[in-house]
Amino acid sequence: MIQQYHIRLSAYKRGYHLITREVLHAIPDLPQTGLLNVFIQHTSAGLTINENADPSVRVDFESFFNKIVPENEPFLTHTMEGSDDMPAHIKASLVGSSVTIPITNGRLNLGTWQGIYLCEFRNHASGRKLLISVYS
């Protein structure tokens, strides 16, 4: 059985944001066992699972990705929406557009220090739509 839920996240500033609570809040109940898939319906933001305790991890992610995919490169041609546009698409492709998490005993089977991140790569995003699918 598959249940699907749509949520719209309000605009987040550029960076890495824990959204585990928002995802769980959108789902009435989790099955005893199954899989949860979260898919972002955008091409300039991504999703990942990582450290949920120390905020410096999110700062380091932002610094690292900005170093490996800098803005204002003269060879980039897709710049109509700003200097952050094409780098945001590249970063989103590197991170990915979905995460899948096992459900065990009615709970997400995340590790002790794991959380779901929204990776916002645009300077001025207007909000993001997520499709959440629960497979039981």
N, C-alpha and C. Protein backbone atom coordinates (compact mmCIF):
# COMPACT_ATOMS: atom_id res chain seq x y z
N MET A 1 0.84 -1.18 0.00
CA MET A 1 0.00 0.00 0.00
C MET A 1 0.88 1.25 0.00
N ILE A 2 0.48 2.25 -0.76
CA ILE A 2 1.23 3.51 -0.83
C ILE A 2 0.30 4.65 -0.43
N GLN A 3 0.78 5.48 0.49
CA GLN A 3 0.08 6.71 0.86
C GLN A 3 0.99 7.87 0.50
N GLN A 4 0.40 8.93 -0.08
CA GLN A 4 1.22 10.08 -0.46
C GLN A 4 0.69 11.35 0.18
N TYR A 5 1.62 12.21 0.51
CA TYR A 5 1.32 13.49 1.14
C TYR A 5 2.16 14.57 0.45
N HIS A 6 1.56 15.73 0.27
CA HIS A 6 2.27 16.86 -0.31
C HIS A 6 2.42 17.91 0.78
N ILE A 7 3.62 18.46 0.90
CA ILE A 7 3.79 19.59 1.81
C ILE A 7 4.57 20.68 1.11
N ARG A 8 4.30 21.89 1.52
CA ARG A 8 5.04 23.04 1.01
C ARG A 8 5.79 23.65 2.18
N LEU A 9 7.09 23.70 2.04
CA LEU A 9 7.91 24.33 3.07
C LEU A 9 8.00 25.81 2.77
N SER A 10 7.87 26.62 3.79
CA SER A 10 8.03 28.06 3.59
C SER A 10 9.46 28.34 3.15
N ALA A 11 9.68 29.53 2.68
CA ALA A 11 11.02 29.89 2.18
C ALA A 11 12.06 29.78 3.28
N TYR A 12 13.11 29.06 2.99
CA TYR A 12 14.26 28.97 3.87
C TYR A 12 15.39 29.77 3.26
N LYS A 13 16.23 30.33 4.10
CA LYS A 13 17.40 31.00 3.56
C LYS A 13 18.37 29.95 3.03
N ARG A 14 19.30 30.40 2.24
CA ARG A 14 20.29 29.49 1.68
C ARG A 14 21.02 28.76 2.80
N GLY A 15 21.22 27.46 2.61
CA GLY A 15 21.92 26.67 3.60
C GLY A 15 21.28 25.31 3.77
N TYR A 16 21.64 24.65 4.85
CA TYR A 16 21.22 23.28 5.15
C TYR A 16 20.33 23.32 6.38
N HIS A 17 19.10 22.80 6.25
CA HIS A 17 18.09 22.95 7.28
C HIS A 17 17.49 21.59 7.64
N LEU A 18 17.43 21.30 8.93
CA LEU A 18 16.79 20.06 9.38
C LEU A 18 15.28 20.18 9.21
N ILE A 19 14.69 19.22 8.50
CA ILE A 19 13.24 19.25 8.25
C ILE A 19 12.56 17.95 8.71
N THR A 20 13.23 17.16 9.51
CA THR A 20 12.66 15.88 9.96
C THR A 20 11.30 16.10 10.62
N ARG A 21 11.18 17.08 11.48
CA ARG A 21 9.92 17.34 12.19
C ARG A 21 8.80 17.72 11.22
N GLU A 22 9.13 18.58 10.24
CA GLU A 22 8.12 19.00 9.26
C GLU A 22 7.62 17.81 8.46
N VAL A 23 8.53 16.92 8.10
CA VAL A 23 8.14 15.72 7.35
C VAL A 23 7.23 14.84 8.20
N LEU A 24 7.61 14.59 9.43
CA LEU A 24 6.80 13.73 10.30
C LEU A 24 5.45 14.37 10.62
N HIS A 25 5.43 15.68 10.74
CA HIS A 25 4.18 16.39 11.03
C HIS A 25 3.17 16.23 9.89
N ALA A 26 3.64 16.04 8.67
CA ALA A 26 2.76 15.91 7.50
C ALA A 26 2.11 14.55 7.38
N ILE A 27 2.58 13.58 8.15
CA ILE A 27 2.10 12.20 8.05
C ILE A 27 1.26 11.87 9.28
N PRO A 28 0.01 11.46 9.09
CA PRO A 28 -0.83 11.17 10.26
C PRO A 28 -0.25 10.05 11.15
N ASP A 29 0.07 8.93 10.54
CA ASP A 29 0.62 7.80 11.29
C ASP A 29 1.56 7.02 10.38
N LEU A 30 2.62 6.52 10.95
CA LEU A 30 3.51 5.63 10.20
C LEU A 30 3.07 4.19 10.43
N PRO A 31 3.22 3.33 9.41
CA PRO A 31 2.92 1.92 9.60
C PRO A 31 3.97 1.27 10.51
N GLN A 32 3.71 0.07 10.96
CA GLN A 32 4.68 -0.64 11.80
C GLN A 32 5.99 -0.88 11.05
N THR A 33 5.90 -1.27 9.79
CA THR A 33 7.10 -1.45 8.97
C THR A 33 6.82 -0.90 7.59
N GLY A 34 7.89 -0.50 6.92
CA GLY A 34 7.74 0.04 5.57
C GLY A 34 8.91 0.92 5.21
N LEU A 35 8.65 1.78 4.24
CA LEU A 35 9.65 2.75 3.77
C LEU A 35 9.00 4.11 3.62
N LEU A 36 9.76 5.14 3.93
CA LEU A 36 9.33 6.51 3.72
C LEU A 36 10.27 7.12 2.69
N ASN A 37 9.69 7.68 1.63
CA ASN A 37 10.48 8.37 0.62
C ASN A 37 10.05 9.83 0.60
N VAL A 38 11.02 10.72 0.60
CA VAL A 38 10.76 12.15 0.49
C VAL A 38 11.44 12.64 -0.78
N PHE A 39 10.66 13.27 -1.65
CA PHE A 39 11.14 13.75 -2.95
C PHE A 39 10.89 15.24 -3.04
N ILE A 40 11.91 16.01 -3.41
CA ILE A 40 11.75 17.45 -3.58
C ILE A 40 11.46 17.75 -5.05
N GLN A 41 10.45 18.55 -5.29
CA GLN A 41 10.00 18.83 -6.66
C GLN A 41 10.63 20.12 -7.19
N HIS A 42 11.94 20.19 -7.08
CA HIS A 42 12.68 21.37 -7.54
C HIS A 42 14.05 20.94 -8.04
N THR A 43 14.66 21.78 -8.86
CA THR A 43 15.96 21.43 -9.45
C THR A 43 17.12 22.25 -8.87
N SER A 44 16.84 23.12 -7.93
CA SER A 44 17.92 23.92 -7.36
C SER A 44 17.99 23.80 -5.84
N ALA A 45 17.42 22.72 -5.32
CA ALA A 45 17.53 22.38 -3.90
C ALA A 45 17.57 20.86 -3.83
N GLY A 46 18.05 20.33 -2.72
CA GLY A 46 18.17 18.88 -2.60
C GLY A 46 17.81 18.40 -1.21
N LEU A 47 17.90 17.09 -1.04
CA LEU A 47 17.63 16.45 0.24
C LEU A 47 18.77 15.50 0.57
N THR A 48 19.10 15.40 1.83
CA THR A 48 20.09 14.42 2.27
C THR A 48 19.82 14.07 3.73
N ILE A 49 20.50 13.05 4.21
CA ILE A 49 20.42 12.66 5.62
C ILE A 49 21.82 12.83 6.20
N ASN A 50 21.90 13.50 7.34
CA ASN A 50 23.19 13.69 7.96
C ASN A 50 23.01 14.10 9.42
N GLU A 51 24.09 14.53 10.02
CA GLU A 51 24.20 14.92 11.44
C GLU A 51 23.09 15.89 11.85
N ASN A 52 22.37 15.55 12.93
CA ASN A 52 21.29 16.42 13.38
C ASN A 52 21.57 17.11 14.72
N ALA A 53 22.74 16.90 15.29
CA ALA A 53 23.00 17.44 16.63
C ALA A 53 23.86 18.71 16.61
N ASP A 54 24.92 18.72 15.86
CA ASP A 54 25.86 19.84 15.88
C ASP A 54 25.64 20.75 14.67
N PRO A 55 25.16 21.98 14.88
CA PRO A 55 24.88 22.89 13.76
C PRO A 55 26.11 23.25 12.92
N SER A 56 27.31 23.06 13.47
CA SER A 56 28.50 23.40 12.68
C SER A 56 28.64 22.49 11.46
N VAL A 57 28.03 21.31 11.50
CA VAL A 57 28.06 20.42 10.33
C VAL A 57 27.38 21.11 9.15
N ARG A 58 26.25 21.77 9.40
CA ARG A 58 25.52 22.45 8.34
C ARG A 58 26.32 23.63 7.79
N VAL A 59 27.03 24.33 8.66
CA VAL A 59 27.88 25.44 8.22
C VAL A 59 29.02 24.91 7.35
N ASP A 60 29.61 23.80 7.75
CA ASP A 60 30.70 23.21 6.98
C ASP A 60 30.22 22.70 5.62
N PHE A 61 29.02 22.12 5.57
CA PHE A 61 28.45 21.71 4.29
C PHE A 61 28.37 22.90 3.34
N GLU A 62 27.82 24.00 3.83
CA GLU A 62 27.68 25.21 2.99
C GLU A 62 29.05 25.69 2.51
N SER A 63 30.02 25.74 3.38
CA SER A 63 31.37 26.19 2.99
C SER A 63 31.98 25.27 1.96
N PHE A 64 31.87 23.97 2.17
CA PHE A 64 32.47 23.00 1.25
C PHE A 64 31.82 23.06 -0.13
N PHE A 65 30.50 23.04 -0.18
CA PHE A 65 29.83 23.07 -1.48
C PHE A 65 30.09 24.38 -2.22
N ASN A 66 30.18 25.49 -1.49
CA ASN A 66 30.50 26.76 -2.15
C ASN A 66 31.92 26.76 -2.70
N LYS A 67 32.80 26.01 -2.07
CA LYS A 67 34.18 25.93 -2.57
C LYS A 67 34.27 25.05 -3.82
N ILE A 68 33.56 23.93 -3.84
CA ILE A 68 33.68 23.04 -5.00
C ILE A 68 32.79 23.47 -6.17
N VAL A 69 31.73 24.25 -5.89
CA VAL A 69 30.86 24.76 -6.95
C VAL A 69 30.65 26.27 -6.72
N PRO A 70 31.66 27.08 -7.08
CA PRO A 70 31.56 28.52 -6.83
C PRO A 70 30.63 29.22 -7.83
N GLU A 71 30.17 30.38 -7.42
CA GLU A 71 29.36 31.23 -8.30
C GLU A 71 30.28 32.09 -9.17
N ASN A 72 29.68 32.72 -10.15
CA ASN A 72 30.37 33.68 -11.03
C ASN A 72 31.49 33.09 -11.86
N GLU A 73 31.38 31.82 -12.20
CA GLU A 73 32.37 31.24 -13.10
C GLU A 73 32.07 31.71 -14.52
N PRO A 74 33.07 32.20 -15.23
CA PRO A 74 32.82 32.81 -16.55
C PRO A 74 32.32 31.82 -17.61
N PHE A 75 32.54 30.53 -17.41
CA PHE A 75 32.11 29.55 -18.40
C PHE A 75 30.65 29.13 -18.24
N LEU A 76 29.99 29.52 -17.14
CA LEU A 76 28.59 29.16 -16.93
C LEU A 76 27.70 30.04 -17.82
N THR A 77 26.76 29.42 -18.50
CA THR A 77 25.88 30.17 -19.40
C THR A 77 24.45 30.29 -18.87
N HIS A 78 24.04 29.43 -17.97
CA HIS A 78 22.68 29.45 -17.43
C HIS A 78 22.67 30.38 -16.21
N THR A 79 22.60 31.68 -16.47
CA THR A 79 22.72 32.68 -15.40
C THR A 79 21.57 33.69 -15.40
N MET A 80 20.53 33.42 -16.17
CA MET A 80 19.44 34.38 -16.32
C MET A 80 18.78 34.75 -14.99
N GLU A 81 18.72 33.79 -14.06
CA GLU A 81 18.09 34.05 -12.77
C GLU A 81 19.08 34.46 -11.68
N GLY A 82 20.32 34.69 -12.04
CA GLY A 82 21.31 35.14 -11.08
C GLY A 82 22.53 34.25 -11.04
N SER A 83 23.55 34.73 -10.38
CA SER A 83 24.82 34.01 -10.35
C SER A 83 24.75 32.73 -9.51
N ASP A 84 23.72 32.61 -8.67
CA ASP A 84 23.57 31.39 -7.87
C ASP A 84 22.77 30.30 -8.59
N ASP A 85 22.21 30.61 -9.76
CA ASP A 85 21.28 29.68 -10.42
C ASP A 85 21.95 28.39 -10.88
N MET A 86 22.89 28.45 -11.77
CA MET A 86 23.52 27.22 -12.27
C MET A 86 24.29 26.48 -11.17
N PRO A 87 25.04 27.18 -10.31
CA PRO A 87 25.65 26.44 -9.20
C PRO A 87 24.63 25.70 -8.33
N ALA A 88 23.43 26.28 -8.16
CA ALA A 88 22.38 25.61 -7.39
C ALA A 88 21.95 24.31 -8.07
N HIS A 89 21.81 24.33 -9.40
CA HIS A 89 21.44 23.12 -10.13
C HIS A 89 22.52 22.03 -9.99
N ILE A 90 23.77 22.44 -10.08
CA ILE A 90 24.87 21.47 -9.96
C ILE A 90 24.89 20.87 -8.56
N LYS A 91 24.79 21.71 -7.54
CA LYS A 91 24.79 21.23 -6.16
C LYS A 91 23.62 20.29 -5.91
N ALA A 92 22.45 20.63 -6.44
CA ALA A 92 21.27 19.77 -6.27
C ALA A 92 21.49 18.41 -6.91
N SER A 93 22.17 18.39 -8.06
CA SER A 93 22.46 17.11 -8.71
C SER A 93 23.45 16.29 -7.89
N LEU A 94 24.41 16.94 -7.26
CA LEU A 94 25.38 16.23 -6.43
C LEU A 94 24.73 15.64 -5.18
N VAL A 95 23.83 16.39 -4.57
CA VAL A 95 23.19 15.95 -3.33
C VAL A 95 22.08 14.95 -3.61
N GLY A 96 21.24 15.23 -4.58
CA GLY A 96 20.13 14.35 -4.91
C GLY A 96 18.80 14.96 -4.54
N SER A 97 17.74 14.38 -5.10
CA SER A 97 16.40 14.94 -4.94
C SER A 97 15.49 14.10 -4.03
N SER A 98 16.01 13.02 -3.46
CA SER A 98 15.15 12.23 -2.58
C SER A 98 15.97 11.47 -1.54
N VAL A 99 15.28 11.09 -0.47
CA VAL A 99 15.85 10.21 0.55
C VAL A 99 14.81 9.15 0.87
N THR A 100 15.28 7.96 1.20
CA THR A 100 14.40 6.86 1.60
C THR A 100 14.88 6.33 2.94
N ILE A 101 13.92 6.17 3.86
CA ILE A 101 14.24 5.78 5.23
C ILE A 101 13.37 4.59 5.62
N PRO A 102 13.96 3.55 6.20
CA PRO A 102 13.15 2.42 6.68
C PRO A 102 12.25 2.85 7.85
N ILE A 103 11.10 2.22 7.93
CA ILE A 103 10.18 2.40 9.06
C ILE A 103 10.17 1.09 9.84
N THR A 104 10.48 1.18 11.13
CA THR A 104 10.53 0.00 11.99
C THR A 104 9.78 0.31 13.28
N ASN A 105 8.88 -0.56 13.67
CA ASN A 105 8.10 -0.37 14.90
C ASN A 105 7.39 0.99 14.92
N GLY A 106 6.89 1.41 13.75
CA GLY A 106 6.12 2.64 13.67
C GLY A 106 6.93 3.92 13.76
N ARG A 107 8.26 3.81 13.60
CA ARG A 107 9.13 5.00 13.69
C ARG A 107 10.13 4.99 12.55
N LEU A 108 10.60 6.18 12.18
CA LEU A 108 11.68 6.24 11.20
C LEU A 108 12.91 5.60 11.82
N ASN A 109 13.55 4.74 11.08
CA ASN A 109 14.71 4.02 11.59
C ASN A 109 15.99 4.79 11.24
N LEU A 110 16.04 6.04 11.71
CA LEU A 110 17.24 6.87 11.55
C LEU A 110 18.23 6.54 12.66
N GLY A 111 19.50 6.75 12.38
CA GLY A 111 20.52 6.60 13.41
C GLY A 111 20.38 7.67 14.46
N THR A 112 21.06 7.50 15.57
CA THR A 112 20.96 8.41 16.71
C THR A 112 21.16 9.87 16.33
N TRP A 113 22.10 10.14 15.45
CA TRP A 113 22.45 11.52 15.12
C TRP A 113 22.01 11.92 13.71
N GLN A 114 21.06 11.20 13.13
CA GLN A 114 20.65 11.49 11.75
C GLN A 114 19.37 12.30 11.69
N GLY A 115 19.32 13.18 10.70
CA GLY A 115 18.12 13.95 10.42
C GLY A 115 18.02 14.21 8.93
N ILE A 116 16.83 14.59 8.47
CA ILE A 116 16.60 14.91 7.06
C ILE A 116 16.91 16.39 6.86
N TYR A 117 17.74 16.67 5.88
CA TYR A 117 18.11 18.04 5.54
C TYR A 117 17.43 18.50 4.26
N LEU A 118 16.91 19.72 4.27
CA LEU A 118 16.64 20.46 3.05
C LEU A 118 17.91 21.22 2.74
N CYS A 119 18.46 21.01 1.56
CA CYS A 119 19.67 21.71 1.13
C CYS A 119 19.22 22.81 0.17
N GLU A 120 19.16 24.03 0.67
CA GLU A 120 18.70 25.16 -0.14
C GLU A 120 19.90 25.86 -0.75
N PHE A 121 19.97 25.82 -2.07
CA PHE A 121 21.13 26.35 -2.78
C PHE A 121 20.88 27.71 -3.42
N ARG A 122 19.66 28.22 -3.36
CA ARG A 122 19.36 29.53 -3.95
C ARG A 122 19.40 30.61 -2.87
N ASN A 123 19.79 31.81 -3.27
CA ASN A 123 19.81 32.93 -2.34
C ASN A 123 18.40 33.39 -1.97
N HIS A 124 17.47 33.31 -2.93
CA HIS A 124 16.12 33.82 -2.71
C HIS A 124 15.07 32.84 -3.22
N ALA A 125 14.98 31.68 -2.62
CA ALA A 125 13.97 30.69 -3.00
C ALA A 125 12.62 31.09 -2.40
N SER A 126 11.55 30.72 -3.06
CA SER A 126 10.22 31.12 -2.60
C SER A 126 9.47 30.01 -1.87
N GLY A 127 10.13 28.99 -1.46
CA GLY A 127 9.48 27.87 -0.81
C GLY A 127 9.69 26.62 -1.65
N ARG A 128 9.52 25.47 -1.04
CA ARG A 128 9.79 24.20 -1.72
C ARG A 128 8.66 23.22 -1.48
N LYS A 129 8.32 22.45 -2.52
CA LYS A 129 7.29 21.43 -2.43
C LYS A 129 7.94 20.06 -2.29
N LEU A 130 7.41 19.27 -1.36
CA LEU A 130 7.88 17.91 -1.14
C LEU A 130 6.74 16.93 -1.37
N LEU A 131 7.06 15.80 -1.94
CA LEU A 131 6.14 14.68 -2.07
C LEU A 131 6.66 13.59 -1.13
N ILE A 132 5.83 13.19 -0.18
CA ILE A 132 6.20 12.16 0.78
C ILE A 132 5.38 10.91 0.46
N SER A 133 6.07 9.81 0.26
CA SER A 133 5.40 8.53 -0.02
C SER A 133 5.74 7.55 1.09
N VAL A 134 4.70 6.92 1.62
CA VAL A 134 4.87 5.91 2.66
C VAL A 134 4.45 4.58 2.06
N TYR A 135 5.38 3.63 2.05
CA TYR A 135 5.14 2.29 1.51
C TYR A 135 5.03 1.32 2.68
N SER A 136 3.91 0.61 2.74
CA SER A 136 3.74 -0.35 3.83
C SER A 136 3.33 -1.71 3.29
